All heavy atoms as atom14 arrays in JSON, in Angstrom:
{
  "sequence": "PYKYQMDQKWDIILNEMLPRFIASESEIDFHLAIKELSAKLNDTHTSF",
  "atom14_mask": [
    [1, 1, 1, 1, 1, 1, 1, 0, 0, 0, 0, 0, 0, 0],
    [1, 1, 1, 1, 1, 1, 1, 1, 1, 1, 1, 1, 0, 0],
    [1, 1, 1, 1, 1, 1, 1, 1, 1, 0, 0, 0, 0, 0],
    [1, 1, 1, 1, 1, 1, 1, 1, 1, 1, 1, 1, 0, 0],
    [1, 1, 1, 1, 1, 1, 1, 1, 1, 0, 0, 0, 0, 0],
    [1, 1, 1, 1, 1, 1, 1, 1, 0, 0, 0, 0, 0, 0],
    [1, 1, 1, 1, 1, 1, 1, 1, 0, 0, 0, 0, 0, 0],
    [1, 1, 1, 1, 1, 1, 1, 1, 1, 0, 0, 0, 0, 0],
    [1, 1, 1, 1, 1, 1, 1, 1, 1, 0, 0, 0, 0, 0],
    [1, 1, 1, 1, 1, 1, 1, 1, 1, 1, 1, 1, 1, 1],
    [1, 1, 1, 1, 1, 1, 1, 1, 0, 0, 0, 0, 0, 0],
    [1, 1, 1, 1, 1, 1, 1, 1, 0, 0, 0, 0, 0, 0],
    [1, 1, 1, 1, 1, 1, 1, 1, 0, 0, 0, 0, 0, 0],
    [1, 1, 1, 1, 1, 1, 1, 1, 0, 0, 0, 0, 0, 0],
    [1, 1, 1, 1, 1, 1, 1, 1, 0, 0, 0, 0, 0, 0],
    [1, 1, 1, 1, 1, 1, 1, 1, 1, 0, 0, 0, 0, 0],
    [1, 1, 1, 1, 1, 1, 1, 1, 0, 0, 0, 0, 0, 0],
    [1, 1, 1, 1, 1, 1, 1, 1, 0, 0, 0, 0, 0, 0],
    [1, 1, 1, 1, 1, 1, 1, 0, 0, 0, 0, 0, 0, 0],
    [1, 1, 1, 1, 1, 1, 1, 1, 1, 1, 1, 0, 0, 0],
    [1, 1, 1, 1, 1, 1, 1, 1, 1, 1, 1, 0, 0, 0],
    [1, 1, 1, 1, 1, 1, 1, 1, 0, 0, 0, 0, 0, 0],
    [1, 1, 1, 1, 1, 0, 0, 0, 0, 0, 0, 0, 0, 0],
    [1, 1, 1, 1, 1, 1, 0, 0, 0, 0, 0, 0, 0, 0],
    [1, 1, 1, 1, 1, 1, 1, 1, 1, 0, 0, 0, 0, 0],
    [1, 1, 1, 1, 1, 1, 0, 0, 0, 0, 0, 0, 0, 0],
    [1, 1, 1, 1, 1, 1, 1, 1, 1, 0, 0, 0, 0, 0],
    [1, 1, 1, 1, 1, 1, 1, 1, 0, 0, 0, 0, 0, 0],
    [1, 1, 1, 1, 1, 1, 1, 1, 0, 0, 0, 0, 0, 0],
    [1, 1, 1, 1, 1, 1, 1, 1, 1, 1, 1, 0, 0, 0],
    [1, 1, 1, 1, 1, 1, 1, 1, 1, 1, 0, 0, 0, 0],
    [1, 1, 1, 1, 1, 1, 1, 1, 0, 0, 0, 0, 0, 0],
    [1, 1, 1, 1, 1, 0, 0, 0, 0, 0, 0, 0, 0, 0],
    [1, 1, 1, 1, 1, 1, 1, 1, 0, 0, 0, 0, 0, 0],
    [1, 1, 1, 1, 1, 1, 1, 1, 1, 0, 0, 0, 0, 0],
    [1, 1, 1, 1, 1, 1, 1, 1, 1, 0, 0, 0, 0, 0],
    [1, 1, 1, 1, 1, 1, 1, 1, 0, 0, 0, 0, 0, 0],
    [1, 1, 1, 1, 1, 1, 0, 0, 0, 0, 0, 0, 0, 0],
    [1, 1, 1, 1, 1, 0, 0, 0, 0, 0, 0, 0, 0, 0],
    [1, 1, 1, 1, 1, 1, 1, 1, 1, 0, 0, 0, 0, 0],
    [1, 1, 1, 1, 1, 1, 1, 1, 0, 0, 0, 0, 0, 0],
    [1, 1, 1, 1, 1, 1, 1, 1, 0, 0, 0, 0, 0, 0],
    [1, 1, 1, 1, 1, 1, 1, 1, 0, 0, 0, 0, 0, 0],
    [1, 1, 1, 1, 1, 1, 1, 0, 0, 0, 0, 0, 0, 0],
    [1, 1, 1, 1, 1, 1, 1, 1, 1, 1, 0, 0, 0, 0],
    [1, 1, 1, 1, 1, 1, 1, 0, 0, 0, 0, 0, 0, 0],
    [1, 1, 1, 1, 1, 1, 0, 0, 0, 0, 0, 0, 0, 0],
    [1, 1, 1, 1, 1, 1, 1, 1, 1, 1, 1, 0, 0, 0]
  ],
  "atom14_positions": [
    [[-1.23, 32.37, -58.23], [-2.45, 32.06, -59.0], [-3.53, 33.13, -58.95], [-4.43, 33.14, -59.79], [-2.95, 30.75, -58.36], [-2.39, 30.77, -56.98], [-1.06, 31.44, -57.09], [0.0, 0.0, 0.0], [0.0, 0.0, 0.0], [0.0, 0.0, 0.0], [0.0, 0.0, 0.0], [0.0, 0.0, 0.0], [0.0, 0.0, 0.0], [0.0, 0.0, 0.0]],
    [[-3.45, 34.03, -57.97], [-4.52, 35.02, -57.82], [-4.06, 36.44, -58.17], [-4.66, 37.41, -57.72], [-5.04, 34.98, -56.38], [-5.6, 33.64, -55.96], [-5.06, 32.95, -54.89], [-6.67, 33.07, -56.64], [-5.58, 31.71, -54.49], [-7.19, 31.84, -56.26], [-6.64, 31.17, -55.18], [-7.16, 29.96, -54.8], [0.0, 0.0, 0.0], [0.0, 0.0, 0.0]],
    [[-3.04, 36.54, -58.99], [-2.54, 37.86, -59.4], [-3.65, 38.7, -60.01], [-3.73, 39.91, -59.79], [-1.39, 37.68, -60.4], [-0.69, 38.96, -60.79], [0.35, 38.73, -61.87], [-0.29, 38.41, -63.2], [0.66, 38.41, -64.33], [0.0, 0.0, 0.0], [0.0, 0.0, 0.0], [0.0, 0.0, 0.0], [0.0, 0.0, 0.0], [0.0, 0.0, 0.0]],
    [[-4.52, 38.07, -60.76], [-5.58, 38.79, -61.47], [-6.62, 39.39, -60.53], [-7.42, 40.24, -60.94], [-6.27, 37.87, -62.48], [-7.17, 36.8, -61.88], [-8.55, 36.96, -61.82], [-6.63, 35.64, -61.33], [-9.38, 35.99, -61.27], [-7.44, 34.67, -60.77], [-8.81, 34.84, -60.73], [-9.62, 33.89, -60.17], [0.0, 0.0, 0.0], [0.0, 0.0, 0.0]],
    [[-6.59, 39.0, -59.25], [-7.59, 39.5, -58.3], [-7.07, 40.65, -57.43], [-7.81, 41.15, -56.58], [-8.06, 38.37, -57.39], [-9.02, 37.39, -58.04], [-9.54, 36.38, -57.03], [-8.79, 35.56, -56.51], [-10.82, 36.43, -56.74], [0.0, 0.0, 0.0], [0.0, 0.0, 0.0], [0.0, 0.0, 0.0], [0.0, 0.0, 0.0], [0.0, 0.0, 0.0]],
    [[-5.83, 41.05, -57.62], [-5.27, 42.12, -56.79], [-6.02, 43.43, -56.99], [-6.57, 43.7, -58.05], [-3.8, 42.34, -57.14], [-2.87, 41.21, -56.77], [-1.18, 41.71, -57.2], [-0.37, 40.11, -57.21], [0.0, 0.0, 0.0], [0.0, 0.0, 0.0], [0.0, 0.0, 0.0], [0.0, 0.0, 0.0], [0.0, 0.0, 0.0], [0.0, 0.0, 0.0]],
    [[-5.99, 44.29, -55.96], [-6.6, 45.61, -56.09], [-5.91, 46.44, -57.16], [-6.55, 47.19, -57.9], [-6.53, 46.36, -54.75], [-7.53, 45.81, -53.74], [-8.47, 45.1, -54.14], [-7.36, 46.09, -52.53], [0.0, 0.0, 0.0], [0.0, 0.0, 0.0], [0.0, 0.0, 0.0], [0.0, 0.0, 0.0], [0.0, 0.0, 0.0], [0.0, 0.0, 0.0]],
    [[-4.57, 46.35, -57.2], [-3.79, 47.07, -58.2], [-3.2, 46.09, -59.2], [-2.93, 44.94, -58.86], [-2.62, 47.82, -57.54], [-2.98, 49.07, -56.79], [-1.73, 49.73, -56.22], [-1.17, 49.29, -55.22], [-1.27, 50.79, -56.86], [0.0, 0.0, 0.0], [0.0, 0.0, 0.0], [0.0, 0.0, 0.0], [0.0, 0.0, 0.0], [0.0, 0.0, 0.0]],
    [[-2.97, 46.57, -60.4], [-2.27, 45.75, -61.39], [-0.82, 45.59, -60.97], [-0.19, 46.54, -60.5], [-2.38, 46.36, -62.79], [-3.78, 46.25, -63.4], [-3.75, 46.69, -64.85], [-5.13, 46.5, -65.5], [-5.53, 45.08, -65.54], [0.0, 0.0, 0.0], [0.0, 0.0, 0.0], [0.0, 0.0, 0.0], [0.0, 0.0, 0.0], [0.0, 0.0, 0.0]],
    [[-0.29, 44.39, -61.15], [1.07, 44.09, -60.7], [2.1, 44.94, -61.44], [3.13, 45.32, -60.87], [1.32, 42.6, -60.9], [2.51, 42.02, -60.19], [3.46, 41.22, -60.74], [2.87, 42.15, -58.8], [4.38, 40.84, -59.79], [4.04, 41.41, -58.59], [2.32, 42.84, -57.73], [4.68, 41.32, -57.35], [2.95, 42.77, -56.49], [4.1, 42.02, -56.3]],
    [[1.84, 45.3, -62.7], [2.72, 46.2, -63.46], [2.82, 47.56, -62.77], [3.9, 48.13, -62.64], [2.18, 46.41, -64.87], [2.55, 45.29, -65.82], [3.07, 44.27, -65.32], [2.32, 45.41, -67.02], [0.0, 0.0, 0.0], [0.0, 0.0, 0.0], [0.0, 0.0, 0.0], [0.0, 0.0, 0.0], [0.0, 0.0, 0.0], [0.0, 0.0, 0.0]],
    [[1.68, 48.08, -62.37], [1.64, 49.4, -61.74], [2.38, 49.36, -60.4], [3.1, 50.3, -60.04], [0.17, 49.85, -61.54], [-0.48, 50.1, -62.91], [0.09, 51.09, -60.67], [-1.97, 50.36, -62.86], [0.0, 0.0, 0.0], [0.0, 0.0, 0.0], [0.0, 0.0, 0.0], [0.0, 0.0, 0.0], [0.0, 0.0, 0.0], [0.0, 0.0, 0.0]],
    [[2.21, 48.27, -59.69], [2.89, 48.12, -58.4], [4.4, 48.15, -58.57], [5.12, 48.75, -57.76], [2.44, 46.81, -57.71], [0.96, 46.92, -57.29], [3.31, 46.48, -56.5], [0.33, 45.61, -56.84], [0.0, 0.0, 0.0], [0.0, 0.0, 0.0], [0.0, 0.0, 0.0], [0.0, 0.0, 0.0], [0.0, 0.0, 0.0], [0.0, 0.0, 0.0]],
    [[4.91, 47.52, -59.63], [6.36, 47.53, -59.89], [6.86, 48.95, -60.05], [7.87, 49.35, -59.45], [6.65, 46.7, -61.15], [8.11, 46.69, -61.63], [9.04, 46.12, -60.56], [8.24, 45.89, -62.93], [0.0, 0.0, 0.0], [0.0, 0.0, 0.0], [0.0, 0.0, 0.0], [0.0, 0.0, 0.0], [0.0, 0.0, 0.0], [0.0, 0.0, 0.0]],
    [[6.17, 49.74, -60.86], [6.57, 51.13, -61.08], [6.46, 51.96, -59.81], [7.27, 52.86, -59.55], [5.72, 51.76, -62.18], [6.14, 51.31, -63.57], [7.06, 51.86, -64.16], [5.48, 50.29, -64.08], [0.0, 0.0, 0.0], [0.0, 0.0, 0.0], [0.0, 0.0, 0.0], [0.0, 0.0, 0.0], [0.0, 0.0, 0.0], [0.0, 0.0, 0.0]],
    [[5.47, 51.65, -58.99], [5.25, 52.38, -57.75], [6.31, 52.07, -56.7], [6.77, 52.95, -55.97], [3.86, 52.02, -57.22], [3.47, 52.71, -55.93], [2.13, 52.21, -55.42], [1.15, 52.24, -56.2], [2.05, 51.79, -54.26], [0.0, 0.0, 0.0], [0.0, 0.0, 0.0], [0.0, 0.0, 0.0], [0.0, 0.0, 0.0], [0.0, 0.0, 0.0]],
    [[6.73, 50.8, -56.63], [7.63, 50.37, -55.57], [9.11, 50.54, -55.92], [9.96, 50.57, -55.02], [7.35, 48.91, -55.2], [5.98, 48.67, -54.59], [5.67, 49.63, -53.07], [6.94, 49.01, -51.98], [0.0, 0.0, 0.0], [0.0, 0.0, 0.0], [0.0, 0.0, 0.0], [0.0, 0.0, 0.0], [0.0, 0.0, 0.0], [0.0, 0.0, 0.0]],
    [[9.44, 50.61, -57.19], [10.85, 50.73, -57.58], [11.57, 51.89, -56.88], [12.67, 51.68, -56.32], [10.96, 50.89, -59.1], [11.44, 49.65, -59.86], [11.23, 49.82, -61.35], [12.9, 49.35, -59.56], [0.0, 0.0, 0.0], [0.0, 0.0, 0.0], [0.0, 0.0, 0.0], [0.0, 0.0, 0.0], [0.0, 0.0, 0.0], [0.0, 0.0, 0.0]],
    [[11.0, 53.09, -56.87], [11.7, 54.19, -56.18], [11.93, 53.91, -54.7], [12.94, 54.34, -54.14], [10.74, 55.38, -56.38], [9.98, 55.05, -57.62], [9.79, 53.56, -57.57], [0.0, 0.0, 0.0], [0.0, 0.0, 0.0], [0.0, 0.0, 0.0], [0.0, 0.0, 0.0], [0.0, 0.0, 0.0], [0.0, 0.0, 0.0], [0.0, 0.0, 0.0]],
    [[11.01, 53.17, -54.07], [11.18, 52.82, -52.65], [12.41, 51.93, -52.47], [13.17, 52.09, -51.5], [9.95, 52.06, -52.13], [8.71, 52.91, -51.92], [8.81, 53.79, -50.67], [9.3, 53.06, -49.52], [8.55, 52.3, -48.72], [7.26, 52.17, -48.98], [9.08, 51.68, -47.68], [0.0, 0.0, 0.0], [0.0, 0.0, 0.0], [0.0, 0.0, 0.0]],
    [[12.62, 50.99, -53.36], [13.77, 50.09, -53.25], [15.07, 50.81, -53.61], [16.11, 50.56, -52.99], [13.56, 48.87, -54.15], [12.69, 47.81, -53.53], [11.3, 47.96, -53.51], [13.22, 46.67, -52.95], [10.48, 47.01, -52.94], [12.42, 45.71, -52.39], [11.04, 45.88, -52.37], [0.0, 0.0, 0.0], [0.0, 0.0, 0.0], [0.0, 0.0, 0.0]],
    [[15.01, 51.7, -54.58], [16.22, 52.43, -54.99], [16.66, 53.38, -53.88], [17.85, 53.5, -53.57], [15.96, 53.22, -56.29], [15.7, 52.25, -57.45], [17.14, 54.14, -56.61], [15.19, 52.93, -58.7], [0.0, 0.0, 0.0], [0.0, 0.0, 0.0], [0.0, 0.0, 0.0], [0.0, 0.0, 0.0], [0.0, 0.0, 0.0], [0.0, 0.0, 0.0]],
    [[15.69, 54.06, -53.27], [16.02, 55.14, -52.32], [16.0, 54.72, -50.86], [15.96, 55.58, -49.98], [15.06, 56.3, -52.55], [0.0, 0.0, 0.0], [0.0, 0.0, 0.0], [0.0, 0.0, 0.0], [0.0, 0.0, 0.0], [0.0, 0.0, 0.0], [0.0, 0.0, 0.0], [0.0, 0.0, 0.0], [0.0, 0.0, 0.0], [0.0, 0.0, 0.0]],
    [[15.99, 53.42, -50.57], [15.98, 52.97, -49.17], [17.14, 53.6, -48.4], [18.3, 53.49, -48.8], [16.08, 51.44, -49.11], [14.94, 50.84, -49.66], [0.0, 0.0, 0.0], [0.0, 0.0, 0.0], [0.0, 0.0, 0.0], [0.0, 0.0, 0.0], [0.0, 0.0, 0.0], [0.0, 0.0, 0.0], [0.0, 0.0, 0.0], [0.0, 0.0, 0.0]],
    [[16.82, 54.27, -47.3], [17.84, 55.0, -46.54], [18.4, 54.21, -45.37], [19.37, 54.61, -44.75], [17.25, 56.32, -46.04], [16.86, 57.27, -47.18], [16.23, 58.55, -46.68], [15.96, 58.64, -45.46], [16.03, 59.47, -47.5], [0.0, 0.0, 0.0], [0.0, 0.0, 0.0], [0.0, 0.0, 0.0], [0.0, 0.0, 0.0], [0.0, 0.0, 0.0]],
    [[17.74, 53.11, -45.04], [18.19, 52.29, -43.92], [17.72, 50.86, -44.13], [16.88, 50.6, -45.0], [17.63, 52.82, -42.6], [16.21, 52.71, -42.59], [0.0, 0.0, 0.0], [0.0, 0.0, 0.0], [0.0, 0.0, 0.0], [0.0, 0.0, 0.0], [0.0, 0.0, 0.0], [0.0, 0.0, 0.0], [0.0, 0.0, 0.0], [0.0, 0.0, 0.0]],
    [[18.24, 49.95, -43.34], [17.84, 48.55, -43.47], [16.36, 48.37, -43.16], [15.66, 47.64, -43.86], [18.69, 47.68, -42.55], [18.46, 46.19, -42.75], [19.4, 45.33, -41.93], [20.14, 45.87, -41.09], [19.4, 44.09, -42.14], [0.0, 0.0, 0.0], [0.0, 0.0, 0.0], [0.0, 0.0, 0.0], [0.0, 0.0, 0.0], [0.0, 0.0, 0.0]],
    [[15.88, 49.06, -42.12], [14.46, 48.92, -41.77], [13.58, 49.51, -42.88], [12.52, 48.98, -43.2], [14.15, 49.59, -40.41], [12.67, 49.41, -40.04], [14.52, 51.05, -40.39], [12.21, 47.98, -39.92], [0.0, 0.0, 0.0], [0.0, 0.0, 0.0], [0.0, 0.0, 0.0], [0.0, 0.0, 0.0], [0.0, 0.0, 0.0], [0.0, 0.0, 0.0]],
    [[14.04, 50.59, -43.52], [13.29, 51.17, -44.63], [13.18, 50.17, -45.78], [12.12, 50.02, -46.4], [14.0, 52.44, -45.09], [13.16, 53.26, -46.06], [11.93, 53.24, -45.92], [13.73, 53.91, -46.95], [0.0, 0.0, 0.0], [0.0, 0.0, 0.0], [0.0, 0.0, 0.0], [0.0, 0.0, 0.0], [0.0, 0.0, 0.0], [0.0, 0.0, 0.0]],
    [[14.27, 49.46, -46.05], [14.28, 48.43, -47.08], [13.33, 47.3, -46.74], [12.54, 46.84, -47.57], [15.72, 47.93, -47.24], [15.88, 46.71, -48.12], [15.41, 46.7, -49.42], [16.52, 45.58, -47.64], [15.56, 45.58, -50.24], [16.69, 44.46, -48.44], [16.2, 44.45, -49.74], [0.0, 0.0, 0.0], [0.0, 0.0, 0.0], [0.0, 0.0, 0.0]],
    [[13.36, 46.84, -45.49], [12.49, 45.74, -45.07], [11.02, 46.15, -45.11], [10.15, 45.35, -45.48], [12.87, 45.28, -43.66], [14.16, 44.52, -43.62], [14.54, 43.74, -42.55], [15.16, 44.41, -44.52], [15.72, 43.19, -42.8], [16.12, 43.59, -43.99], [0.0, 0.0, 0.0], [0.0, 0.0, 0.0], [0.0, 0.0, 0.0], [0.0, 0.0, 0.0]],
    [[10.74, 47.39, -44.73], [9.35, 47.86, -44.78], [8.86, 47.97, -46.22], [7.67, 47.76, -46.49], [9.23, 49.22, -44.08], [9.34, 49.17, -42.55], [9.38, 50.59, -41.98], [8.18, 48.39, -41.93], [0.0, 0.0, 0.0], [0.0, 0.0, 0.0], [0.0, 0.0, 0.0], [0.0, 0.0, 0.0], [0.0, 0.0, 0.0], [0.0, 0.0, 0.0]],
    [[9.76, 48.27, -47.14], [9.38, 48.31, -48.57], [8.96, 46.92, -49.03], [7.97, 46.77, -49.78], [10.54, 48.83, -49.41], [0.0, 0.0, 0.0], [0.0, 0.0, 0.0], [0.0, 0.0, 0.0], [0.0, 0.0, 0.0], [0.0, 0.0, 0.0], [0.0, 0.0, 0.0], [0.0, 0.0, 0.0], [0.0, 0.0, 0.0], [0.0, 0.0, 0.0]],
    [[9.68, 45.89, -48.58], [9.31, 44.51, -48.95], [7.96, 44.15, -48.34], [7.12, 43.53, -48.99], [10.39, 43.51, -48.5], [11.74, 43.84, -49.12], [9.98, 42.08, -48.87], [12.9, 43.0, -48.6], [0.0, 0.0, 0.0], [0.0, 0.0, 0.0], [0.0, 0.0, 0.0], [0.0, 0.0, 0.0], [0.0, 0.0, 0.0], [0.0, 0.0, 0.0]],
    [[7.76, 44.55, -47.08], [6.48, 44.22, -46.42], [5.31, 44.92, -47.11], [4.25, 44.32, -47.32], [6.51, 44.6, -44.94], [5.29, 44.07, -44.18], [5.52, 44.03, -42.7], [4.35, 43.36, -41.97], [4.25, 41.91, -42.27], [0.0, 0.0, 0.0], [0.0, 0.0, 0.0], [0.0, 0.0, 0.0], [0.0, 0.0, 0.0], [0.0, 0.0, 0.0]],
    [[5.52, 46.16, -47.49], [4.46, 46.89, -48.22], [4.18, 46.22, -49.56], [3.02, 46.1, -49.98], [4.9, 48.34, -48.43], [3.84, 49.21, -49.05], [4.26, 50.66, -49.16], [5.25, 51.07, -48.51], [3.59, 51.4, -49.92], [0.0, 0.0, 0.0], [0.0, 0.0, 0.0], [0.0, 0.0, 0.0], [0.0, 0.0, 0.0], [0.0, 0.0, 0.0]],
    [[5.24, 45.77, -50.22], [5.08, 45.07, -51.5], [4.3, 43.78, -51.32], [3.37, 43.48, -52.09], [6.46, 44.78, -52.1], [6.5, 43.98, -53.41], [5.86, 44.77, -54.55], [7.94, 43.61, -53.76], [0.0, 0.0, 0.0], [0.0, 0.0, 0.0], [0.0, 0.0, 0.0], [0.0, 0.0, 0.0], [0.0, 0.0, 0.0], [0.0, 0.0, 0.0]],
    [[4.62, 43.0, -50.28], [3.93, 41.73, -50.06], [2.46, 41.94, -49.71], [1.61, 41.14, -50.08], [4.64, 40.92, -48.96], [4.44, 41.49, -47.68], [0.0, 0.0, 0.0], [0.0, 0.0, 0.0], [0.0, 0.0, 0.0], [0.0, 0.0, 0.0], [0.0, 0.0, 0.0], [0.0, 0.0, 0.0], [0.0, 0.0, 0.0], [0.0, 0.0, 0.0]],
    [[2.17, 43.05, -49.02], [0.77, 43.33, -48.66], [-0.08, 43.61, -49.89], [-1.3, 43.39, -49.88], [0.71, 44.52, -47.7], [0.0, 0.0, 0.0], [0.0, 0.0, 0.0], [0.0, 0.0, 0.0], [0.0, 0.0, 0.0], [0.0, 0.0, 0.0], [0.0, 0.0, 0.0], [0.0, 0.0, 0.0], [0.0, 0.0, 0.0], [0.0, 0.0, 0.0]],
    [[0.55, 44.05, -50.97], [-0.19, 44.39, -52.18], [-0.7, 43.15, -52.93], [-1.47, 43.27, -53.88], [0.68, 45.25, -53.1], [0.89, 46.67, -52.56], [1.74, 47.5, -53.48], [1.93, 48.92, -52.95], [0.67, 49.7, -52.95], [0.0, 0.0, 0.0], [0.0, 0.0, 0.0], [0.0, 0.0, 0.0], [0.0, 0.0, 0.0], [0.0, 0.0, 0.0]],
    [[-0.3, 41.95, -52.49], [-0.83, 40.73, -53.1], [-2.27, 40.49, -52.7], [-2.96, 39.68, -53.32], [0.02, 39.51, -52.72], [1.17, 39.17, -53.66], [2.22, 40.28, -53.69], [1.83, 37.86, -53.25], [0.0, 0.0, 0.0], [0.0, 0.0, 0.0], [0.0, 0.0, 0.0], [0.0, 0.0, 0.0], [0.0, 0.0, 0.0], [0.0, 0.0, 0.0]],
    [[-2.74, 41.17, -51.64], [-4.11, 40.94, -51.13], [-4.34, 39.45, -50.86], [-5.34, 38.87, -51.29], [-5.16, 41.46, -52.12], [-4.97, 42.92, -52.48], [-4.9, 43.28, -53.65], [-4.87, 43.78, -51.5], [0.0, 0.0, 0.0], [0.0, 0.0, 0.0], [0.0, 0.0, 0.0], [0.0, 0.0, 0.0], [0.0, 0.0, 0.0], [0.0, 0.0, 0.0]],
    [[-3.4, 38.86, -50.14], [-3.43, 37.42, -49.87], [-3.1, 37.19, -48.4], [-2.0, 37.52, -47.96], [-2.41, 36.71, -50.77], [-2.34, 35.21, -50.54], [-3.33, 34.63, -50.08], [-1.28, 34.61, -50.84], [0.0, 0.0, 0.0], [0.0, 0.0, 0.0], [0.0, 0.0, 0.0], [0.0, 0.0, 0.0], [0.0, 0.0, 0.0], [0.0, 0.0, 0.0]],
    [[-4.04, 36.63, -47.65], [-3.82, 36.44, -46.21], [-2.71, 35.44, -45.94], [-2.13, 35.42, -44.85], [-5.13, 36.0, -45.52], [-6.22, 36.82, -45.98], [-5.04, 36.15, -44.01], [0.0, 0.0, 0.0], [0.0, 0.0, 0.0], [0.0, 0.0, 0.0], [0.0, 0.0, 0.0], [0.0, 0.0, 0.0], [0.0, 0.0, 0.0], [0.0, 0.0, 0.0]],
    [[-2.38, 34.59, -46.92], [-1.24, 33.69, -46.76], [0.09, 34.43, -46.8], [1.11, 33.92, -46.34], [-1.23, 32.65, -47.89], [-1.98, 31.39, -47.55], [-2.64, 30.65, -48.5], [-2.16, 30.74, -46.38], [-3.2, 29.6, -47.92], [-2.92, 29.63, -46.64], [0.0, 0.0, 0.0], [0.0, 0.0, 0.0], [0.0, 0.0, 0.0], [0.0, 0.0, 0.0]],
    [[0.09, 35.62, -47.4], [1.34, 36.36, -47.54], [1.83, 36.82, -46.18], [1.05, 37.3, -45.36], [1.13, 37.58, -48.45], [0.61, 37.15, -49.7], [2.42, 38.32, -48.68], [0.0, 0.0, 0.0], [0.0, 0.0, 0.0], [0.0, 0.0, 0.0], [0.0, 0.0, 0.0], [0.0, 0.0, 0.0], [0.0, 0.0, 0.0], [0.0, 0.0, 0.0]],
    [[3.12, 36.66, -45.97], [3.69, 37.07, -44.69], [5.15, 37.42, -44.9], [5.9, 36.67, -45.52], [3.57, 35.93, -43.67], [4.2, 36.27, -42.46], [0.0, 0.0, 0.0], [0.0, 0.0, 0.0], [0.0, 0.0, 0.0], [0.0, 0.0, 0.0], [0.0, 0.0, 0.0], [0.0, 0.0, 0.0], [0.0, 0.0, 0.0], [0.0, 0.0, 0.0]],
    [[5.55, 38.58, -44.41], [6.96, 38.96, -44.42], [7.29, 39.67, -43.12], [6.59, 40.6, -42.7], [7.29, 39.89, -45.6], [8.73, 40.36, -45.58], [9.74, 39.52, -46.02], [9.06, 41.62, -45.07], [11.07, 39.93, -45.96], [10.38, 42.02, -45.02], [11.39, 41.18, -45.47], [0.0, 0.0, 0.0], [0.0, 0.0, 0.0], [0.0, 0.0, 0.0]]
  ]
}
C-alpha cells in the first residue's frame, strides 16, 4: 500500500536490481540481492 512513498520509483528499482539477480556469483550474493531489494521498500515491517 505504500509503494508511492518509496525513495525510489519501483520501476527504476527493477532495472537497477535485475543485473544483480542475473549476475549472482554465489548463494550469499543472491540472498544479499534480495535483502537489498527488500530494503528499498522503506518499510520497517520488511524483513528478509
